[in-house]
């Protein structure tokens, strides 16, 4: 064997041994410096609340500061792109939602990340479904009544959402796709103005967040027909789910979860998962979520990854069928 070949072979063996030796050591020493926890919305938003609730717990468990970094923009895509370009070493963690992790790639053109390729799932954090609410002038009492009315009167009703491609918009389009009905979409800039116009009768139907809708339902200003999750809401226990109302298989969940960078060593993923789930289950964190109408929801990394894939596929079909674009 030539000397050059021997040297090349020796270098390759040495590099392989180095990688084999250093990855476990790096994982064993993890973390040895502060961790950056990116929340995919602005201060005060739901993702920010979850991130700031768990960060002190993580800091105490790791013996290193966990710094929350708010990166709002493009419905979570700005934060997702930042994390996707980070080193796979466990020092960058993302708290994002169904938008950033399952919807936006199908909604926005030209994104520089892909959630199924660039992230390593860690765990769910929480979920919050929508309420199907109507103005009292709409002659329906149940979801079955609404479905029948929509199919008998195509495009007679208008429905509001807090923006094109938003969770409420997609949840409504999934519903319309499943019943084979049509309503006219009226997008707004936020959930509050939608609710004002629903109460005033300017729009007749809204798939609204619980935080926005529940006070108005309890005040008798709007009528609630169903919840979009597979679980009933504790605050409105008598309100049926969509499945219980004649739409088996329907689920539209505005969920939050944690991911890190793809190709992060498994021992680091396991450590992050263990500490995150432990933090989420503490009494004060659970109470902080409950106060905002969020339900605690944890999982294994594998379960979360499978769910992200199923949500990605589901919303891709809804977006394509409805011809929705946010560009």
Protein backbone atom coordinates (compact mmCIF):
# COMPACT_ATOMS: atom_id res chain seq x y z
CA UNK A 1 0.00 0.00 0.00
CA UNK A 2 1.34 3.41 -0.91
CA UNK A 3 2.38 5.78 1.86
CA UNK A 4 -0.28 8.33 0.77
CA UNK A 5 -2.97 5.65 0.93
CA UNK A 6 -1.80 4.51 4.35
CA UNK A 7 -1.87 8.09 5.64
CA UNK A 8 -5.35 8.66 4.22
CA UNK A 9 -6.61 5.42 5.75
CA UNK A 10 -5.05 6.26 9.11
CA UNK A 11 -6.63 9.72 9.05
CA UNK A 12 -10.05 8.25 8.29
CA UNK A 13 -9.76 5.73 11.13
CA UNK A 14 -8.58 8.43 13.51
CA UNK A 15 -11.53 10.67 12.59
CA UNK A 16 -14.01 7.83 13.06
CA UNK A 17 -12.55 7.03 16.46
CA UNK A 18 -12.68 10.74 17.38
CA UNK A 19 -16.36 11.02 16.46
CA UNK A 20 -17.20 7.80 18.28
CA UNK A 21 -15.37 8.97 21.38
CA UNK A 22 -16.50 12.59 21.47
CA UNK A 23 -20.26 12.27 20.86
CA UNK A 24 -20.96 10.29 24.08
CA UNK A 25 -18.65 12.59 26.02
CA UNK A 26 -20.50 15.66 24.68
CA UNK A 27 -23.83 14.06 25.61
CA UNK A 28 -22.55 13.12 29.07
CA UNK A 29 -21.39 16.70 29.71
CA UNK A 30 -24.62 18.22 28.41
CA UNK A 31 -25.41 20.96 29.15
CA UNK A 32 -22.20 22.82 29.88
CA UNK A 33 -23.45 26.26 28.82
CA UNK A 34 -26.76 28.17 28.58
CA UNK A 35 -29.60 26.82 26.43
CA UNK A 36 -31.55 29.05 24.06
CA UNK A 37 -35.31 28.37 24.13
CA UNK A 38 -36.93 30.11 21.16
CA UNK A 39 -40.63 30.93 21.51
CA UNK A 40 -42.25 31.32 18.11
CA UNK A 41 -44.34 34.36 19.00
CA UNK A 42 -44.08 37.71 20.76
CA UNK A 43 -43.98 38.31 24.50
CA UNK A 44 -47.35 37.59 26.09
CA UNK A 45 -48.44 35.03 23.50
CA UNK A 46 -49.29 31.43 24.30
CA UNK A 47 -45.93 30.00 23.22
CA UNK A 48 -44.14 32.67 25.25
CA UNK A 49 -46.25 31.77 28.30
CA UNK A 50 -45.41 28.06 28.00
CA UNK A 51 -41.71 28.75 27.42
CA UNK A 52 -41.40 31.09 30.40
CA UNK A 53 -43.32 28.71 32.62
CA UNK A 54 -40.89 25.84 32.02
CA UNK A 55 -37.60 27.76 31.67
CA UNK A 56 -36.93 28.24 35.43
CA UNK A 57 -37.58 24.53 36.01
CA UNK A 58 -35.19 23.59 33.23
CA UNK A 59 -32.54 26.00 34.51
CA UNK A 60 -32.70 24.41 37.95
CA UNK A 61 -32.59 20.87 36.56
CA UNK A 62 -29.70 21.51 34.16
CA UNK A 63 -27.68 23.83 36.36
CA UNK A 64 -27.46 26.15 33.36
CA UNK A 65 -29.51 29.17 32.40
CA UNK A 66 -32.32 28.52 29.91
CA UNK A 67 -32.90 31.82 28.09
CA UNK A 68 -36.26 32.47 26.38
CA UNK A 69 -35.81 34.23 23.04
CA UNK A 70 -39.00 35.52 21.37
CA UNK A 71 -38.89 35.31 17.58
CA UNK A 72 -42.28 36.22 16.13
CA UNK A 73 -43.08 36.43 12.44
CA UNK A 74 -44.75 34.56 9.55
CA UNK A 75 -46.93 32.49 11.88
CA UNK A 76 -43.92 30.79 13.47
CA UNK A 77 -41.81 30.36 10.33
CA UNK A 78 -39.17 32.91 11.40
CA UNK A 79 -38.43 30.98 14.59
CA UNK A 80 -38.51 27.65 12.77
CA UNK A 81 -35.93 28.76 10.23
CA UNK A 82 -33.58 30.04 12.95
CA UNK A 83 -33.70 26.72 14.78
CA UNK A 84 -33.35 24.66 11.59
CA UNK A 85 -30.00 26.35 10.89
CA UNK A 86 -28.64 25.84 14.42
CA UNK A 87 -26.06 23.26 15.45
CA UNK A 88 -27.50 19.84 16.43
CA UNK A 89 -26.10 19.96 19.94
CA UNK A 90 -29.15 20.51 22.16
CA UNK A 91 -28.37 24.15 22.90
CA UNK A 92 -31.23 25.47 20.74
CA UNK A 93 -34.79 24.39 21.51
CA UNK A 94 -37.99 25.59 19.81
CA UNK A 95 -41.43 26.01 21.35
CA UNK A 96 -43.83 26.25 18.43
CA UNK A 97 -47.36 25.43 17.37
CA UNK A 98 -49.31 23.54 14.73
CA UNK A 99 -48.64 26.47 12.37
CA UNK A 100 -44.88 26.43 12.53
CA UNK A 101 -44.54 22.66 12.78
CA UNK A 102 -47.27 21.30 10.51
CA UNK A 103 -49.06 23.98 8.47
CA UNK A 104 -46.77 26.72 7.17
CA UNK A 105 -44.75 24.62 4.73
CA UNK A 106 -48.00 23.92 2.88
CA UNK A 107 -49.21 27.52 3.20
CA UNK A 108 -46.20 29.71 2.42
CA UNK A 109 -44.02 29.38 -0.66
CA UNK A 110 -40.24 29.54 -0.49
CA UNK A 111 -39.69 28.58 3.15
CA UNK A 112 -36.11 27.53 3.91
CA UNK A 113 -36.97 24.77 6.36
CA UNK A 114 -39.11 21.64 6.46
CA UNK A 115 -40.56 20.46 9.78
CA UNK A 116 -40.36 16.77 8.91
CA UNK A 117 -36.71 17.01 7.89
CA UNK A 118 -35.08 19.66 10.04
CA UNK A 119 -36.42 19.03 13.55
CA UNK A 120 -36.14 16.36 16.22
CA UNK A 121 -39.42 16.17 18.19
CA UNK A 122 -39.21 16.30 22.00
CA UNK A 123 -42.74 16.42 23.43
CA UNK A 124 -46.16 17.99 23.24
CA UNK A 125 -46.67 20.86 25.66
CA UNK A 126 -50.35 21.76 25.55
CA UNK A 127 -53.39 21.98 23.38
CA UNK A 128 -56.36 24.26 22.97
CA UNK A 129 -59.16 23.51 20.59
CA UNK A 130 -61.69 25.87 19.11
CA UNK A 131 -65.36 26.33 19.84
CA UNK A 132 -67.86 26.34 16.99
CA UNK A 133 -69.94 29.41 17.82
CA UNK A 134 -72.74 31.18 15.97
CA UNK A 135 -74.66 34.39 16.21
CA UNK A 136 -78.03 33.69 17.93
CA UNK A 137 -79.86 34.80 14.77
CA UNK A 138 -78.70 31.66 12.96
CA UNK A 139 -81.60 29.17 13.20
CA UNK A 140 -79.60 26.24 14.57
CA UNK A 141 -79.19 24.65 17.99
CA UNK A 142 -76.70 21.88 17.29
CA UNK A 143 -73.79 21.17 14.94
CA UNK A 144 -76.01 18.75 13.03
CA UNK A 145 -78.47 21.62 12.50
CA UNK A 146 -75.66 23.87 11.26
CA UNK A 147 -74.37 21.25 8.83
CA UNK A 148 -77.85 20.71 7.39
CA UNK A 149 -78.43 24.47 7.09
CA UNK A 150 -75.10 25.07 5.32
CA UNK A 151 -75.71 22.27 2.81
CA UNK A 152 -79.25 23.54 2.10
CA UNK A 153 -78.04 27.16 1.74
CA UNK A 154 -74.62 27.22 0.02
CA UNK A 155 -72.66 30.44 0.68
CA UNK A 156 -75.56 32.04 2.54
CA UNK A 157 -73.63 32.16 5.82
CA UNK A 158 -70.35 34.01 6.35
CA UNK A 159 -67.67 32.79 8.70
CA UNK A 160 -64.93 34.87 10.26
CA UNK A 161 -61.35 33.96 11.12
CA UNK A 162 -58.36 35.77 12.57
CA UNK A 163 -56.53 35.53 9.25
CA UNK A 164 -56.04 33.45 6.13
CA UNK A 165 -54.36 30.18 7.03
CA UNK A 166 -54.94 30.70 10.75
CA UNK A 167 -56.04 27.81 12.97
CA UNK A 168 -59.68 28.89 12.93
CA UNK A 169 -59.70 29.26 9.15
CA UNK A 170 -58.24 25.81 8.59
CA UNK A 171 -60.52 24.23 11.20
CA UNK A 172 -63.55 25.66 9.40
CA UNK A 173 -62.36 24.50 5.99
CA UNK A 174 -61.76 20.99 7.33
CA UNK A 175 -65.34 20.99 8.61
CA UNK A 176 -66.76 22.26 5.31
CA UNK A 177 -64.72 19.68 3.40
CA UNK A 178 -66.07 16.87 5.57
CA UNK A 179 -69.74 17.92 5.24
CA UNK A 180 -69.49 19.03 1.59
CA UNK A 181 -70.77 22.53 2.33
CA UNK A 182 -69.80 26.12 1.52
CA UNK A 183 -69.67 29.37 3.50
CA UNK A 184 -68.11 32.73 2.64
CA UNK A 185 -64.82 33.40 4.43
CA UNK A 186 -64.19 36.84 5.98
CA UNK A 187 -60.60 37.14 7.31
CA UNK A 188 -59.75 39.59 10.09
CA UNK A 189 -56.54 40.68 11.77
CA UNK A 190 -56.92 38.91 15.08
CA UNK A 191 -59.54 37.07 17.10
CA UNK A 192 -60.95 40.08 19.00
CA UNK A 193 -62.41 41.93 15.98
CA UNK A 194 -63.88 38.65 14.70
CA UNK A 195 -65.76 38.20 17.96
CA UNK A 196 -67.03 41.80 17.90
CA UNK A 197 -68.53 41.25 14.45
CA UNK A 198 -69.92 37.83 15.36
CA UNK A 199 -71.81 39.36 18.28
CA UNK A 200 -73.02 42.16 15.99
CA UNK A 201 -74.12 39.69 13.34
CA UNK A 202 -71.72 40.86 10.64
CA UNK A 203 -70.51 37.25 10.38
CA UNK A 204 -72.61 34.30 11.47
CA UNK A 205 -70.14 31.52 12.29
CA UNK A 206 -66.69 31.42 13.88
CA UNK A 207 -64.38 28.58 14.91
CA UNK A 208 -62.98 30.58 17.80
CA UNK A 209 -60.33 29.98 20.46
CA UNK A 210 -61.77 29.08 23.84
CA UNK A 211 -60.13 32.08 25.49
CA UNK A 212 -61.99 34.45 23.16
CA UNK A 213 -65.31 32.64 22.95
CA UNK A 214 -66.06 31.23 26.41
CA UNK A 215 -66.77 34.58 28.14
CA UNK A 216 -69.21 35.53 25.37
CA UNK A 217 -70.90 32.12 25.48
CA UNK A 218 -71.37 32.40 29.24
CA UNK A 219 -72.75 35.91 28.79
CA UNK A 220 -75.33 34.59 26.32
CA UNK A 221 -74.11 36.78 23.46
CA UNK A 222 -73.26 33.87 21.15
CA UNK A 223 -74.28 30.22 20.95
CA UNK A 224 -71.74 27.37 21.21
CA UNK A 225 -72.41 24.19 19.23
CA UNK A 226 -69.33 21.97 19.63
CA UNK A 227 -65.62 21.79 20.43
CA UNK A 228 -63.09 20.90 17.73
CA UNK A 229 -60.91 18.61 19.84
CA UNK A 230 -61.51 14.94 20.60
CA UNK A 231 -61.93 15.88 24.27
CA UNK A 232 -64.65 17.99 25.89
CA UNK A 233 -63.65 21.28 27.53
CA UNK A 234 -63.58 21.30 31.31
CA UNK A 235 -65.01 24.84 31.33
CA UNK A 236 -68.01 23.76 29.20
CA UNK A 237 -68.42 20.07 30.04
CA UNK A 238 -71.88 19.76 28.47
CA UNK A 239 -70.68 20.93 25.04
CA UNK A 240 -70.17 17.93 22.71
CA UNK A 241 -67.16 17.28 20.51
CA UNK A 242 -67.41 17.31 16.72
CA UNK A 243 -67.20 13.50 16.69
CA UNK A 244 -70.07 13.30 19.18
CA UNK A 245 -72.00 15.66 16.92
CA UNK A 246 -71.92 13.43 13.86
CA UNK A 247 -68.41 14.04 12.46
CA UNK A 248 -66.28 11.03 13.52
CA UNK A 249 -62.60 11.56 12.77
CA UNK A 250 -62.76 15.35 12.96
CA UNK A 251 -60.02 16.98 15.03
CA UNK A 252 -58.64 20.51 14.87
CA UNK A 253 -56.32 21.10 17.78
CA UNK A 254 -54.28 24.27 18.28
CA UNK A 255 -51.40 22.44 19.93
CA UNK A 256 -47.99 23.57 21.18
CA UNK A 257 -44.85 21.49 21.46
CA UNK A 258 -41.07 21.41 21.78
CA UNK A 259 -38.54 20.35 19.15
CA UNK A 260 -34.82 20.71 18.70
CA UNK A 261 -32.50 20.41 15.70
CA UNK A 262 -32.46 17.24 13.59
CA UNK A 263 -29.48 14.91 14.12
CA UNK A 264 -29.08 15.95 17.75
CA UNK A 265 -27.57 12.93 19.62
CA UNK A 266 -30.23 10.70 21.15
CA UNK A 267 -28.87 10.95 24.74
CA UNK A 268 -29.36 14.72 24.55
CA UNK A 269 -32.86 14.34 23.11
CA UNK A 270 -33.71 11.90 25.91
CA UNK A 271 -32.43 14.35 28.54
CA UNK A 272 -34.35 17.27 27.08
CA UNK A 273 -37.51 15.17 26.87
CA UNK A 274 -37.19 13.99 30.47
CA UNK A 275 -36.67 17.47 31.91
CA UNK A 276 -39.35 19.11 29.75
CA UNK A 277 -42.02 16.59 30.68
CA UNK A 278 -41.04 16.82 34.32
CA UNK A 279 -41.29 20.63 34.23
CA UNK A 280 -44.65 20.60 32.43
CA UNK A 281 -46.17 18.34 35.08
CA UNK A 282 -45.28 20.51 38.08
CA UNK A 283 -48.27 22.06 39.81
CA UNK A 284 -47.43 25.71 39.12
CA UNK A 285 -46.72 25.14 35.42
CA UNK A 286 -49.92 23.15 35.04
CA UNK A 287 -51.84 25.97 36.74
CA UNK A 288 -50.23 28.59 34.48
CA UNK A 289 -51.46 26.65 31.44
CA UNK A 290 -54.94 26.14 32.89
CA UNK A 291 -55.27 29.86 33.60
CA UNK A 292 -54.88 30.50 29.87
CA UNK A 293 -57.34 27.80 28.81
CA UNK A 294 -54.57 25.40 27.80
CA UNK A 295 -54.69 21.67 28.52
CA UNK A 296 -51.45 19.93 29.49
CA UNK A 297 -50.39 17.38 26.89
CA UNK A 298 -47.12 15.43 26.97
CA UNK A 299 -45.78 12.54 24.91
CA UNK A 300 -42.69 10.61 23.90
CA UNK A 301 -40.56 12.09 21.10
CA UNK A 302 -41.72 9.27 18.82
CA UNK A 303 -45.40 9.90 19.52
CA UNK A 304 -44.97 13.63 18.94
CA UNK A 305 -43.11 13.02 15.68
CA UNK A 306 -45.83 10.72 14.37
CA UNK A 307 -48.49 13.26 15.31
CA UNK A 308 -46.64 16.11 13.55
CA UNK A 309 -46.50 13.95 10.40
CA UNK A 310 -50.22 13.17 10.60
CA UNK A 311 -51.07 16.85 11.11
CA UNK A 312 -48.78 17.87 8.23
CA UNK A 313 -50.55 15.46 5.88
CA UNK A 314 -54.04 16.40 7.08
CA UNK A 315 -53.61 20.16 6.71
CA UNK A 316 -51.84 19.78 3.36
CA UNK A 317 -55.01 18.20 1.98
CA UNK A 318 -57.26 20.87 3.51
CA UNK A 319 -55.11 23.72 2.18
CA UNK A 320 -54.97 22.21 -1.31
CA UNK A 321 -58.71 21.48 -1.43
CA UNK A 322 -59.61 25.00 -0.29
CA UNK A 323 -56.97 26.71 -2.46
CA UNK A 324 -55.59 28.60 0.55
CA UNK A 325 -52.39 30.63 0.22
CA UNK A 326 -50.77 33.09 2.61
CA UNK A 327 -48.31 34.56 0.08
